[in-house]
Amino acid sequence: MKPKYERIYDYLESLIIEEKIKAGEKIPSEKEVADMFETTRVTVRKALSKLEHEGLITKLKGVGSFVTSSDPLSRKKLE
């Protein structure tokens, strides 16, 4: 079984790629995701960091995390 942060990552990534959350929109808060997955915010932050590293989201301190791109090809350009 995958670690919880990877399951959170997969869940959020699928919402972004399927454009259920579109570019420019805010993703659920760390607390909301932590409650949804019955985990800690530290675990959620690990998943969000991976999404940010791959170019799918931008984290704004004190504001939230926003989708930057749903295009998987744009992620590859960052690698």
PDB file of N, CA and C in Angstrom:
ATOM      1  N   MET A   1       0.837  -1.186   0.000  1.00  0.00           N
ATOM      2  CA  MET A   1       0.000   0.000   0.000  1.00  0.00           C
ATOM      3  C   MET A   1       0.883   1.251   0.000  1.00  0.00           C
ATOM      4  N   LYS A   2       0.482   2.237  -0.779  1.00  0.00           N
ATOM      5  CA  LYS A   2       1.243   3.476  -0.884  1.00  0.00           C
ATOM      6  C   LYS A   2       1.191   4.249   0.432  1.00  0.00           C
ATOM      7  N   PRO A   3       2.240   5.026   0.719  1.00  0.00           N
ATOM      8  CA  PRO A   3       2.186   5.913   1.877  1.00  0.00           C
ATOM      9  C   PRO A   3       1.034   6.913   1.710  1.00  0.00           C
ATOM     10  N   LYS A   4       0.534   7.415   2.821  1.00  0.00           N
ATOM     11  CA  LYS A   4      -0.629   8.296   2.791  1.00  0.00           C
ATOM     12  C   LYS A   4      -0.367   9.565   1.977  1.00  0.00           C
ATOM     13  N   TYR A   5       0.835  10.129   2.079  1.00  0.00           N
ATOM     14  CA  TYR A   5       1.089  11.359   1.327  1.00  0.00           C
ATOM     15  C   TYR A   5       0.994  11.108  -0.178  1.00  0.00           C
ATOM     16  N   GLU A   6       1.379   9.912  -0.633  1.00  0.00           N
ATOM     17  CA  GLU A   6       1.277   9.591  -2.054  1.00  0.00           C
ATOM     18  C   GLU A   6      -0.180   9.409  -2.477  1.00  0.00           C
ATOM     19  N   ARG A   7      -1.005   8.867  -1.580  1.00  0.00           N
ATOM     20  CA  ARG A   7      -2.433   8.739  -1.888  1.00  0.00           C
ATOM     21  C   ARG A   7      -3.080  10.117  -1.987  1.00  0.00           C
ATOM     22  N   ILE A   8      -2.664  11.025  -1.104  1.00  0.00           N
ATOM     23  CA  ILE A   8      -3.173  12.400  -1.150  1.00  0.00           C
ATOM     24  C   ILE A   8      -2.714  13.061  -2.447  1.00  0.00           C
ATOM     25  N   TYR A   9      -1.439  12.891  -2.774  1.00  0.00           N
ATOM     26  CA  TYR A   9      -0.897  13.433  -4.019  1.00  0.00           C
ATOM     27  C   TYR A   9      -1.707  12.922  -5.217  1.00  0.00           C
ATOM     28  N   ASP A  10      -1.916  11.608  -5.290  1.00  0.00           N
ATOM     29  CA  ASP A  10      -2.654  11.006  -6.406  1.00  0.00           C
ATOM     30  C   ASP A  10      -4.064  11.583  -6.511  1.00  0.00           C
ATOM     31  N   TYR A  11      -4.718  11.746  -5.368  1.00  0.00           N
ATOM     32  CA  TYR A  11      -6.083  12.281  -5.332  1.00  0.00           C
ATOM     33  C   TYR A  11      -6.108  13.711  -5.884  1.00  0.00           C
ATOM     34  N   LEU A  12      -5.226  14.564  -5.359  1.00  0.00           N
ATOM     35  CA  LEU A  12      -5.207  15.960  -5.795  1.00  0.00           C
ATOM     36  C   LEU A  12      -4.754  16.071  -7.254  1.00  0.00           C
ATOM     37  N   GLU A  13      -3.767  15.276  -7.634  1.00  0.00           N
ATOM     38  CA  GLU A  13      -3.302  15.288  -9.025  1.00  0.00           C
ATOM     39  C   GLU A  13      -4.444  14.931  -9.971  1.00  0.00           C
ATOM     40  N   SER A  14      -5.244  13.930  -9.615  1.00  0.00           N
ATOM     41  CA  SER A  14      -6.342  13.528 -10.494  1.00  0.00           C
ATOM     42  C   SER A  14      -7.390  14.643 -10.600  1.00  0.00           C
ATOM     43  N   LEU A  15      -7.660  15.346  -9.493  1.00  0.00           N
ATOM     44  CA  LEU A  15      -8.602  16.468  -9.550  1.00  0.00           C
ATOM     45  C   LEU A  15      -8.105  17.553 -10.494  1.00  0.00           C
ATOM     46  N   ILE A  16      -6.789  17.774 -10.475  1.00  0.00           N
ATOM     47  CA  ILE A  16      -6.192  18.816 -11.315  1.00  0.00           C
ATOM     48  C   ILE A  16      -6.164  18.377 -12.778  1.00  0.00           C
ATOM     49  N   ILE A  17      -5.690  17.171 -13.055  1.00  0.00           N
ATOM     50  CA  ILE A  17      -5.574  16.694 -14.439  1.00  0.00           C
ATOM     51  C   ILE A  17      -6.947  16.551 -15.092  1.00  0.00           C
ATOM     52  N   GLU A  18      -7.931  16.105 -14.303  1.00  0.00           N
ATOM     53  CA  GLU A  18      -9.294  15.969 -14.833  1.00  0.00           C
ATOM     54  C   GLU A  18     -10.026  17.305 -14.851  1.00  0.00           C
ATOM     55  N   GLU A  19      -9.325  18.364 -14.436  1.00  0.00           N
ATOM     56  CA  GLU A  19      -9.838  19.727 -14.402  1.00  0.00           C
ATOM     57  C   GLU A  19     -11.099  19.881 -13.554  1.00  0.00           C
ATOM     58  N   LYS A  20     -11.176  19.085 -12.484  1.00  0.00           N
ATOM     59  CA  LYS A  20     -12.236  19.295 -11.491  1.00  0.00           C
ATOM     60  C   LYS A  20     -11.876  20.511 -10.649  1.00  0.00           C
ATOM     61  N   ILE A  21     -10.573  20.798 -10.590  1.00  0.00           N
ATOM     62  CA  ILE A  21     -10.068  22.061 -10.061  1.00  0.00           C
ATOM     63  C   ILE A  21      -9.215  22.630 -11.188  1.00  0.00           C
ATOM     64  N   LYS A  22      -9.606  23.777 -11.697  1.00  0.00           N
ATOM     65  CA  LYS A  22      -8.961  24.338 -12.883  1.00  0.00           C
ATOM     66  C   LYS A  22      -7.821  25.299 -12.523  1.00  0.00           C
ATOM     67  N   ALA A  23      -6.995  25.603 -13.516  1.00  0.00           N
ATOM     68  CA  ALA A  23      -5.883  26.542 -13.340  1.00  0.00           C
ATOM     69  C   ALA A  23      -6.416  27.849 -12.760  1.00  0.00           C
ATOM     70  N   GLY A  24      -5.732  28.331 -11.728  1.00  0.00           N
ATOM     71  CA  GLY A  24      -6.121  29.566 -11.051  1.00  0.00           C
ATOM     72  C   GLY A  24      -7.019  29.359  -9.854  1.00  0.00           C
ATOM     73  N   GLU A  25      -7.612  28.180  -9.742  1.00  0.00           N
ATOM     74  CA  GLU A  25      -8.507  27.903  -8.621  1.00  0.00           C
ATOM     75  C   GLU A  25      -7.730  27.392  -7.412  1.00  0.00           C
ATOM     76  N   LYS A  26      -8.288  27.650  -6.258  1.00  0.00           N
ATOM     77  CA  LYS A  26      -7.685  27.222  -5.002  1.00  0.00           C
ATOM     78  C   LYS A  26      -8.046  25.763  -4.729  1.00  0.00           C
ATOM     79  N   ILE A  27      -7.056  24.996  -4.277  1.00  0.00           N
ATOM     80  CA  ILE A  27      -7.336  23.615  -3.891  1.00  0.00           C
ATOM     81  C   ILE A  27      -7.799  23.609  -2.428  1.00  0.00           C
ATOM     82  N   PRO A  28      -8.379  22.510  -1.949  1.00  0.00           N
ATOM     83  CA  PRO A  28      -8.813  22.461  -0.550  1.00  0.00           C
ATOM     84  C   PRO A  28      -7.654  22.765   0.404  1.00  0.00           C
ATOM     85  N   SER A  29      -7.988  23.336   1.547  1.00  0.00           N
ATOM     86  CA  SER A  29      -6.973  23.706   2.531  1.00  0.00           C
ATOM     87  C   SER A  29      -6.289  22.463   3.108  1.00  0.00           C
ATOM     88  N   GLU A  30      -5.119  22.685   3.704  1.00  0.00           N
ATOM     89  CA  GLU A  30      -4.394  21.587   4.353  1.00  0.00           C
ATOM     90  C   GLU A  30      -5.290  20.900   5.379  1.00  0.00           C
ATOM     91  N   LYS A  31      -6.014  21.690   6.148  1.00  0.00           N
ATOM     92  CA  LYS A  31      -6.880  21.125   7.190  1.00  0.00           C
ATOM     93  C   LYS A  31      -7.994  20.277   6.575  1.00  0.00           C
ATOM     94  N   GLU A  32      -8.616  20.775   5.509  1.00  0.00           N
ATOM     95  CA  GLU A  32      -9.680  20.018   4.849  1.00  0.00           C
ATOM     96  C   GLU A  32      -9.170  18.677   4.338  1.00  0.00           C
ATOM     97  N   VAL A  33      -8.008  18.701   3.690  1.00  0.00           N
ATOM     98  CA  VAL A  33      -7.445  17.467   3.147  1.00  0.00           C
ATOM     99  C   VAL A  33      -7.033  16.529   4.283  1.00  0.00           C
ATOM    100  N   ALA A  34      -6.428  17.091   5.336  1.00  0.00           N
ATOM    101  CA  ALA A  34      -6.022  16.273   6.483  1.00  0.00           C
ATOM    102  C   ALA A  34      -7.239  15.590   7.110  1.00  0.00           C
ATOM    103  N   ASP A  35      -8.326  16.322   7.246  1.00  0.00           N
ATOM    104  CA  ASP A  35      -9.555  15.738   7.805  1.00  0.00           C
ATOM    105  C   ASP A  35     -10.116  14.655   6.882  1.00  0.00           C
ATOM    106  N   MET A  36     -10.082  14.918   5.586  1.00  0.00           N
ATOM    107  CA  MET A  36     -10.605  13.980   4.592  1.00  0.00           C
ATOM    108  C   MET A  36      -9.855  12.648   4.637  1.00  0.00           C
ATOM    109  N   PHE A  37      -8.531  12.722   4.809  1.00  0.00           N
ATOM    110  CA  PHE A  37      -7.699  11.524   4.794  1.00  0.00           C
ATOM    111  C   PHE A  37      -7.336  11.032   6.197  1.00  0.00           C
ATOM    112  N   GLU A  38      -7.897  11.703   7.209  1.00  0.00           N
ATOM    113  CA  GLU A  38      -7.636  11.334   8.605  1.00  0.00           C
ATOM    114  C   GLU A  38      -6.139  11.232   8.872  1.00  0.00           C
ATOM    115  N   THR A  39      -5.457  12.341   8.600  1.00  0.00           N
ATOM    116  CA  THR A  39      -4.014  12.402   8.779  1.00  0.00           C
ATOM    117  C   THR A  39      -3.621  13.771   9.311  1.00  0.00           C
ATOM    118  N   THR A  40      -2.340  14.023   9.383  1.00  0.00           N
ATOM    119  CA  THR A  40      -1.847  15.301   9.885  1.00  0.00           C
ATOM    120  C   THR A  40      -1.580  16.267   8.740  1.00  0.00           C
ATOM    121  N   ARG A  41      -1.487  17.536   9.074  1.00  0.00           N
ATOM    122  CA  ARG A  41      -1.171  18.547   8.065  1.00  0.00           C
ATOM    123  C   ARG A  41       0.251  18.365   7.540  1.00  0.00           C
ATOM    124  N   VAL A  42       1.130  17.797   8.348  1.00  0.00           N
ATOM    125  CA  VAL A  42       2.499  17.533   7.905  1.00  0.00           C
ATOM    126  C   VAL A  42       2.481  16.582   6.706  1.00  0.00           C
ATOM    127  N   THR A  43       1.658  15.562   6.774  1.00  0.00           N
ATOM    128  CA  THR A  43       1.533  14.599   5.676  1.00  0.00           C
ATOM    129  C   THR A  43       0.969  15.288   4.434  1.00  0.00           C
ATOM    130  N   VAL A  44      -0.030  16.138   4.640  1.00  0.00           N
ATOM    131  CA  VAL A  44      -0.631  16.873   3.515  1.00  0.00           C
ATOM    132  C   VAL A  44       0.412  17.787   2.884  1.00  0.00           C
ATOM    133  N   ARG A  45       1.203  18.461   3.701  1.00  0.00           N
ATOM    134  CA  ARG A  45       2.241  19.368   3.182  1.00  0.00           C
ATOM    135  C   ARG A  45       3.235  18.625   2.300  1.00  0.00           C
ATOM    136  N   LYS A  46       3.544  17.392   2.666  1.00  0.00           N
ATOM    137  CA  LYS A  46       4.471  16.591   1.864  1.00  0.00           C
ATOM    138  C   LYS A  46       3.886  16.350   0.470  1.00  0.00           C
ATOM    139  N   ALA A  47       2.599  16.036   0.408  1.00  0.00           N
ATOM    140  CA  ALA A  47       1.932  15.834  -0.886  1.00  0.00           C
ATOM    141  C   ALA A  47       1.883  17.140  -1.671  1.00  0.00           C
ATOM    142  N   LEU A  48       1.585  18.247  -0.994  1.00  0.00           N
ATOM    143  CA  LEU A  48       1.515  19.543  -1.667  1.00  0.00           C
ATOM    144  C   LEU A  48       2.883  19.967  -2.195  1.00  0.00           C
ATOM    145  N   SER A  49       3.919  19.662  -1.440  1.00  0.00           N
ATOM    146  CA  SER A  49       5.271  19.991  -1.895  1.00  0.00           C
ATOM    147  C   SER A  49       5.604  19.254  -3.185  1.00  0.00           C
ATOM    148  N   LYS A  50       5.180  18.001  -3.272  1.00  0.00           N
ATOM    149  CA  LYS A  50       5.417  17.222  -4.485  1.00  0.00           C
ATOM    150  C   LYS A  50       4.629  17.814  -5.661  1.00  0.00           C
ATOM    151  N   LEU A  51       3.386  18.222  -5.420  1.00  0.00           N
ATOM    152  CA  LEU A  51       2.585  18.855  -6.470  1.00  0.00           C
ATOM    153  C   LEU A  51       3.225  20.164  -6.925  1.00  0.00           C
ATOM    154  N   GLU A  52       3.756  20.918  -5.966  1.00  0.00           N
ATOM    155  CA  GLU A  52       4.409  22.184  -6.295  1.00  0.00           C
ATOM    156  C   GLU A  52       5.689  21.928  -7.089  1.00  0.00           C
ATOM    157  N   HIS A  53       6.460  20.954  -6.666  1.00  0.00           N
ATOM    158  CA  HIS A  53       7.710  20.615  -7.361  1.00  0.00           C
ATOM    159  C   HIS A  53       7.441  20.223  -8.814  1.00  0.00           C
ATOM    160  N   GLU A  54       6.319  19.569  -9.041  1.00  0.00           N
ATOM    161  CA  GLU A  54       5.975  19.124 -10.397  1.00  0.00           C
ATOM    162  C   GLU A  54       5.280  20.212 -11.211  1.00  0.00           C
ATOM    163  N   GLY A  55       5.087  21.377 -10.611  1.00  0.00           N
ATOM    164  CA  GLY A  55       4.521  22.499 -11.350  1.00  0.00           C
ATOM    165  C   GLY A  55       3.014  22.514 -11.467  1.00  0.00           C
ATOM    166  N   LEU A  56       2.334  21.702 -10.678  1.00  0.00           N
ATOM    167  CA  LEU A  56       0.875  21.667 -10.751  1.00  0.00           C
ATOM    168  C   LEU A  56       0.223  22.724  -9.872  1.00  0.00           C
ATOM    169  N   ILE A  57       0.872  23.105  -8.772  1.00  0.00           N
ATOM    170  CA  ILE A  57       0.306  24.103  -7.875  1.00  0.00           C
ATOM    171  C   ILE A  57       1.373  25.126  -7.483  1.00  0.00           C
ATOM    172  N   THR A  58       0.888  26.243  -6.970  1.00  0.00           N
ATOM    173  CA  THR A  58       1.728  27.255  -6.353  1.00  0.00           C
ATOM    174  C   THR A  58       1.178  27.483  -4.961  1.00  0.00           C
ATOM    175  N   LYS A  59       2.056  27.428  -3.955  1.00  0.00           N
ATOM    176  CA  LYS A  59       1.639  27.666  -2.579  1.00  0.00           C
ATOM    177  C   LYS A  59       1.939  29.112  -2.223  1.00  0.00           C
ATOM    178  N   LEU A  60       0.936  29.801  -1.694  1.00  0.00           N
ATOM    179  CA  LEU A  60       1.099  31.175  -1.237  1.00  0.00           C
ATOM    180  C   LEU A  60       0.902  31.199   0.268  1.00  0.00           C
ATOM    181  N   LYS A  61       1.955  31.518   0.993  1.00  0.00           N
ATOM    182  CA  LYS A  61       1.923  31.490   2.451  1.00  0.00           C
ATOM    183  C   LYS A  61       0.786  32.367   2.983  1.00  0.00           C
ATOM    184  N   GLY A  62      -0.026  31.775   3.837  1.00  0.00           N
ATOM    185  CA  GLY A  62      -1.131  32.486   4.463  1.00  0.00           C
ATOM    186  C   GLY A  62      -2.353  32.658   3.586  1.00  0.00           C
ATOM    187  N   VAL A  63      -2.269  32.202   2.332  1.00  0.00           N
ATOM    188  CA  VAL A  63      -3.384  32.368   1.401  1.00  0.00           C
ATOM    189  C   VAL A  63      -3.958  31.017   0.983  1.00  0.00           C
ATOM    190  N   GLY A  64      -3.082  30.101   0.588  1.00  0.00           N
ATOM    191  CA  GLY A  64      -3.515  28.784   0.147  1.00  0.00           C
ATOM    192  C   GLY A  64      -2.695  28.304  -1.032  1.00  0.00           C
ATOM    193  N   SER A  65      -3.154  27.219  -1.619  1.00  0.00           N
ATOM    194  CA  SER A  65      -2.475  26.624  -2.772  1.00  0.00           C
ATOM    195  C   SER A  65      -3.406  26.704  -3.976  1.00  0.00           C
ATOM    196  N   PHE A  66      -2.829  27.085  -5.111  1.00  0.00           N
ATOM    197  CA  PHE A  66      -3.598  27.309  -6.318  1.00  0.00           C
ATOM    198  C   PHE A  66      -3.043  26.484  -7.470  1.00  0.00           C
ATOM    199  N   VAL A  67      -3.960  25.990  -8.306  1.00  0.00           N
ATOM    200  CA  VAL A  67      -3.562  25.209  -9.481  1.00  0.00           C
ATOM    201  C   VAL A  67      -2.886  26.138 -10.477  1.00  0.00           C
ATOM    202  N   THR A  68      -1.717  25.730 -10.956  1.00  0.00           N
ATOM    203  CA  THR A  68      -1.012  26.510 -11.973  1.00  0.00           C
ATOM    204  C   THR A  68      -1.195  25.909 -13.355  1.00  0.00           C
ATOM    205  N   SER A  69      -1.317  24.579 -13.420  1.00  0.00           N
ATOM    206  CA  SER A  69      -1.447  23.920 -14.719  1.00  0.00           C
ATOM    207  C   SER A  69      -2.057  22.536 -14.528  1.00  0.00           C
ATOM    208  N   SER A  70      -2.882  22.149 -15.482  1.00  0.00           N
ATOM    209  CA  SER A  70      -3.407  20.782 -15.470  1.00  0.00           C
ATOM    210  C   SER A  70      -2.787  19.968 -16.598  1.00  0.00           C
ATOM    211  N   ASP A  71      -1.850  20.582 -17.308  1.00  0.00           N
ATOM    212  CA  ASP A  71      -1.224  19.956 -18.461  1.00  0.00           C
ATOM    213  C   ASP A  71      -0.024  19.113 -18.029  1.00  0.00           C
ATOM    214  N   PRO A  72      -0.148  17.784 -18.111  1.00  0.00           N
ATOM    215  CA  PRO A  72       0.968  16.931 -17.705  1.00  0.00           C
ATOM    216  C   PRO A  72       2.236  17.214 -18.506  1.00  0.00           C
ATOM    217  N   LEU A  73       2.125  17.682 -19.751  1.00  0.00           N
ATOM    218  CA  LEU A  73       3.306  17.966 -20.564  1.00  0.00           C
ATOM    219  C   LEU A  73       4.072  19.165 -20.013  1.00  0.00           C
ATOM    220  N   SER A  74       3.365  20.132 -19.445  1.00  0.00           N
ATOM    221  CA  SER A  74       4.069  21.284 -18.885  1.00  0.00           C
ATOM    222  C   SER A  74       4.907  20.877 -17.685  1.00  0.00           C
ATOM    223  N   ARG A  75       4.498  19.827 -16.994  1.00  0.00           N
ATOM    224  CA  ARG A  75       5.278  19.320 -15.863  1.00  0.00           C
ATOM    225  C   ARG A  75       6.609  18.772 -16.349  1.00  0.00           C
ATOM    226  N   LYS A  76       6.593  18.081 -17.467  1.00  0.00           N
ATOM    227  CA  LYS A  76       7.813  17.458 -17.981  1.00  0.00           C
ATOM    228  C   LYS A  76       8.857  18.506 -18.342  1.00  0.00           C
ATOM    229  N   LYS A  77       8.408  19.686 -18.768  1.00  0.00           N
ATOM    230  CA  LYS A  77       9.321  20.751 -19.135  1.00  0.00           C
ATOM    231  C   LYS A  77      10.111  21.229 -17.933  1.00  0.00           C
ATOM    232  N   LEU A  78       9.534  21.075 -16.728  1.00  0.00           N
ATOM    233  CA  LEU A  78      10.188  21.526 -15.513  1.00  0.00           C
ATOM    234  C   LEU A  78      11.266  20.557 -15.041  1.00  0.00           C
ATOM    235  N   GLU A  79      11.170  19.329 -15.483  1.00  0.00           N
ATOM    236  CA  GLU A  79      12.104  18.290 -14.981  1.00  0.00           C
ATOM    237  C   GLU A  79      13.446  18.381 -15.649  1.00  0.00           C
TER     238      GLU A  79
END
